[in-house]
Amino acid sequence: MADFCTAALNDLTRFVQLRAGLRYDKNKYLVTPLAAPVPLPISRDDDIVTANLGVSYLLSRQISFGAAWDYSKRTSNAPTADYTRNKAAAFLKVTL
């Protein structure tokens, strides 16, 4: 397994904050199918790339809100293990 990641956080103004991140993972699996008459090991290699962006606005010391986007893509040598995922979110944070 290998992974690399980087992230950045930037205060654009006193009230606006930007976040960004990028990550790469390489996973290797050794799977033995239970249904086979003679279990033979099957290897699976996955490459996963993840990126995210976010922005938040500080309304007061206790209240902030913002939005975030996450992207994930897995490529694999297993035929049904590939996927691409996009997630968007909005949030409200209240600190007491």
C-alpha atoms as a PDB file:
ATOM      1  CA  MET A   1       0.000   0.000   0.000  1.00  0.00           C
ATOM      2  CA  ALA A   2       1.265   3.454  -0.924  1.00  0.00           C
ATOM      3  CA  ASP A   3      -0.356   6.790  -0.410  1.00  0.00           C
ATOM      4  CA  PHE A   4       0.497  10.427  -0.981  1.00  0.00           C
ATOM      5  CA  CYS A   5      -1.535  13.460  -0.008  1.00  0.00           C
ATOM      6  CA  THR A   6      -1.357  17.218   0.140  1.00  0.00           C
ATOM      7  CA  ALA A   7      -3.707  19.853   1.490  1.00  0.00           C
ATOM      8  CA  ALA A   8      -3.902  23.628   1.528  1.00  0.00           C
ATOM      9  CA  LEU A   9      -5.830  26.052   3.695  1.00  0.00           C
ATOM     10  CA  ASN A  10      -6.022  29.737   2.798  1.00  0.00           C
ATOM     11  CA  ASP A  11      -7.724  32.644   4.536  1.00  0.00           C
ATOM     12  CA  LEU A  12      -8.833  34.846   1.642  1.00  0.00           C
ATOM     13  CA  THR A  13     -10.195  37.457   4.005  1.00  0.00           C
ATOM     14  CA  ARG A  14     -10.868  37.568   7.706  1.00  0.00           C
ATOM     15  CA  PHE A  15     -14.208  35.860   7.071  1.00  0.00           C
ATOM     16  CA  VAL A  16     -13.637  33.603   4.022  1.00  0.00           C
ATOM     17  CA  GLN A  17     -11.537  30.423   4.136  1.00  0.00           C
ATOM     18  CA  LEU A  18     -10.660  28.106   1.223  1.00  0.00           C
ATOM     19  CA  ARG A  19      -9.601  24.463   1.550  1.00  0.00           C
ATOM     20  CA  ALA A  20      -8.241  22.104  -1.092  1.00  0.00           C
ATOM     21  CA  GLY A  21      -6.785  18.628  -0.974  1.00  0.00           C
ATOM     22  CA  LEU A  22      -5.451  15.899  -3.226  1.00  0.00           C
ATOM     23  CA  ARG A  23      -4.714  12.270  -2.325  1.00  0.00           C
ATOM     24  CA  TYR A  24      -3.462   9.183  -4.152  1.00  0.00           C
ATOM     25  CA  ASP A  25      -3.701   5.647  -2.755  1.00  0.00           C
ATOM     26  CA  LYS A  26      -2.442   2.397  -4.243  1.00  0.00           C
ATOM     27  CA  ASN A  27      -3.917  -0.689  -2.584  1.00  0.00           C
ATOM     28  CA  LYS A  28      -3.023  -4.312  -3.262  1.00  0.00           C
ATOM     29  CA  TYR A  29      -5.263  -7.178  -2.159  1.00  0.00           C
ATOM     30  CA  LEU A  30      -4.824 -10.934  -2.178  1.00  0.00           C
ATOM     31  CA  VAL A  31      -8.256 -12.601  -2.190  1.00  0.00           C
ATOM     32  CA  THR A  32      -9.008 -16.318  -1.984  1.00  0.00           C
ATOM     33  CA  PRO A  33     -12.452 -17.189  -3.381  1.00  0.00           C
ATOM     34  CA  LEU A  34     -14.315 -19.497  -1.003  1.00  0.00           C
ATOM     35  CA  ALA A  35     -16.539 -21.036  -3.693  1.00  0.00           C
ATOM     36  CA  ALA A  36     -13.664 -22.468  -5.738  1.00  0.00           C
ATOM     37  CA  PRO A  37     -13.025 -26.236  -5.376  1.00  0.00           C
ATOM     38  CA  VAL A  38      -9.323 -25.527  -4.914  1.00  0.00           C
ATOM     39  CA  PRO A  39      -8.852 -22.017  -3.513  1.00  0.00           C
ATOM     40  CA  LEU A  40      -6.573 -20.048  -5.800  1.00  0.00           C
ATOM     41  CA  PRO A  41      -5.374 -16.624  -4.724  1.00  0.00           C
ATOM     42  CA  ILE A  42      -6.547 -13.720  -6.856  1.00  0.00           C
ATOM     43  CA  SER A  43      -4.750 -10.407  -6.646  1.00  0.00           C
ATOM     44  CA  ARG A  44      -6.496  -7.074  -7.013  1.00  0.00           C
ATOM     45  CA  ASP A  45      -4.739  -3.736  -7.449  1.00  0.00           C
ATOM     46  CA  ASP A  46      -6.593  -0.459  -6.920  1.00  0.00           C
ATOM     47  CA  ASP A  47      -5.523   3.101  -7.695  1.00  0.00           C
ATOM     48  CA  ILE A  48      -7.624   5.722  -5.903  1.00  0.00           C
ATOM     49  CA  VAL A  49      -7.469   9.463  -6.588  1.00  0.00           C
ATOM     50  CA  THR A  50      -9.367  11.816  -4.288  1.00  0.00           C
ATOM     51  CA  ALA A  51      -9.704  15.597  -4.594  1.00  0.00           C
ATOM     52  CA  ASN A  52     -11.692  18.044  -2.495  1.00  0.00           C
ATOM     53  CA  LEU A  53     -12.489  21.744  -2.418  1.00  0.00           C
ATOM     54  CA  GLY A  54     -14.308  23.768   0.180  1.00  0.00           C
ATOM     55  CA  VAL A  55     -15.165  27.304   1.144  1.00  0.00           C
ATOM     56  CA  SER A  56     -16.492  28.596   4.442  1.00  0.00           C
ATOM     57  CA  TYR A  57     -17.706  31.971   5.623  1.00  0.00           C
ATOM     58  CA  LEU A  58     -17.428  33.046   9.260  1.00  0.00           C
ATOM     59  CA  LEU A  59     -20.621  34.909  10.112  1.00  0.00           C
ATOM     60  CA  SER A  60     -19.653  35.413  13.774  1.00  0.00           C
ATOM     61  CA  ARG A  61     -17.343  33.717  16.278  1.00  0.00           C
ATOM     62  CA  GLN A  62     -19.919  30.975  16.812  1.00  0.00           C
ATOM     63  CA  ILE A  63     -21.543  30.592  13.371  1.00  0.00           C
ATOM     64  CA  SER A  64     -20.058  29.689  10.005  1.00  0.00           C
ATOM     65  CA  PHE A  65     -21.453  28.179   6.839  1.00  0.00           C
ATOM     66  CA  GLY A  66     -20.056  26.919   3.582  1.00  0.00           C
ATOM     67  CA  ALA A  67     -19.942  24.355   0.830  1.00  0.00           C
ATOM     68  CA  ALA A  68     -17.665  21.463  -0.085  1.00  0.00           C
ATOM     69  CA  TRP A  69     -17.072  19.162  -3.064  1.00  0.00           C
ATOM     70  CA  ASP A  70     -15.367  15.740  -2.993  1.00  0.00           C
ATOM     71  CA  TYR A  71     -14.306  13.701  -6.023  1.00  0.00           C
ATOM     72  CA  SER A  72     -13.124  10.077  -5.892  1.00  0.00           C
ATOM     73  CA  LYS A  73     -12.080   7.759  -8.701  1.00  0.00           C
ATOM     74  CA  ARG A  74     -10.977   4.161  -8.251  1.00  0.00           C
ATOM     75  CA  THR A  75      -9.468   2.165 -11.096  1.00  0.00           C
ATOM     76  CA  SER A  76      -8.872  -1.508 -10.525  1.00  0.00           C
ATOM     77  CA  ASN A  77      -7.855  -4.637 -12.367  1.00  0.00           C
ATOM     78  CA  ALA A  78     -11.029  -6.272 -10.984  1.00  0.00           C
ATOM     79  CA  PRO A  79     -13.819  -5.820 -13.549  1.00  0.00           C
ATOM     80  CA  THR A  80     -16.550  -4.522 -11.223  1.00  0.00           C
ATOM     81  CA  ALA A  81     -14.472  -2.521  -8.737  1.00  0.00           C
ATOM     82  CA  ASP A  82     -14.073   0.738 -10.713  1.00  0.00           C
ATOM     83  CA  TYR A  83     -16.100   3.760  -9.666  1.00  0.00           C
ATOM     84  CA  THR A  84     -16.264   7.536  -9.879  1.00  0.00           C
ATOM     85  CA  ARG A  85     -18.011   9.510  -7.141  1.00  0.00           C
ATOM     86  CA  ASN A  86     -18.840  13.204  -6.830  1.00  0.00           C
ATOM     87  CA  LYS A  87     -20.254  14.558  -3.573  1.00  0.00           C
ATOM     88  CA  ALA A  88     -21.401  18.086  -2.850  1.00  0.00           C
ATOM     89  CA  ALA A  89     -22.391  19.344   0.575  1.00  0.00           C
ATOM     90  CA  ALA A  90     -23.493  22.526   2.286  1.00  0.00           C
ATOM     91  CA  PHE A  91     -23.021  23.014   6.001  1.00  0.00           C
ATOM     92  CA  LEU A  92     -23.870  25.251   8.912  1.00  0.00           C
ATOM     93  CA  LYS A  93     -21.576  25.105  11.942  1.00  0.00           C
ATOM     94  CA  VAL A  94     -22.608  26.453  15.346  1.00  0.00           C
ATOM     95  CA  THR A  95     -20.061  26.482  18.176  1.00  0.00           C
ATOM     96  CA  LEU A  96     -21.184  27.056  21.757  1.00  0.00           C
END
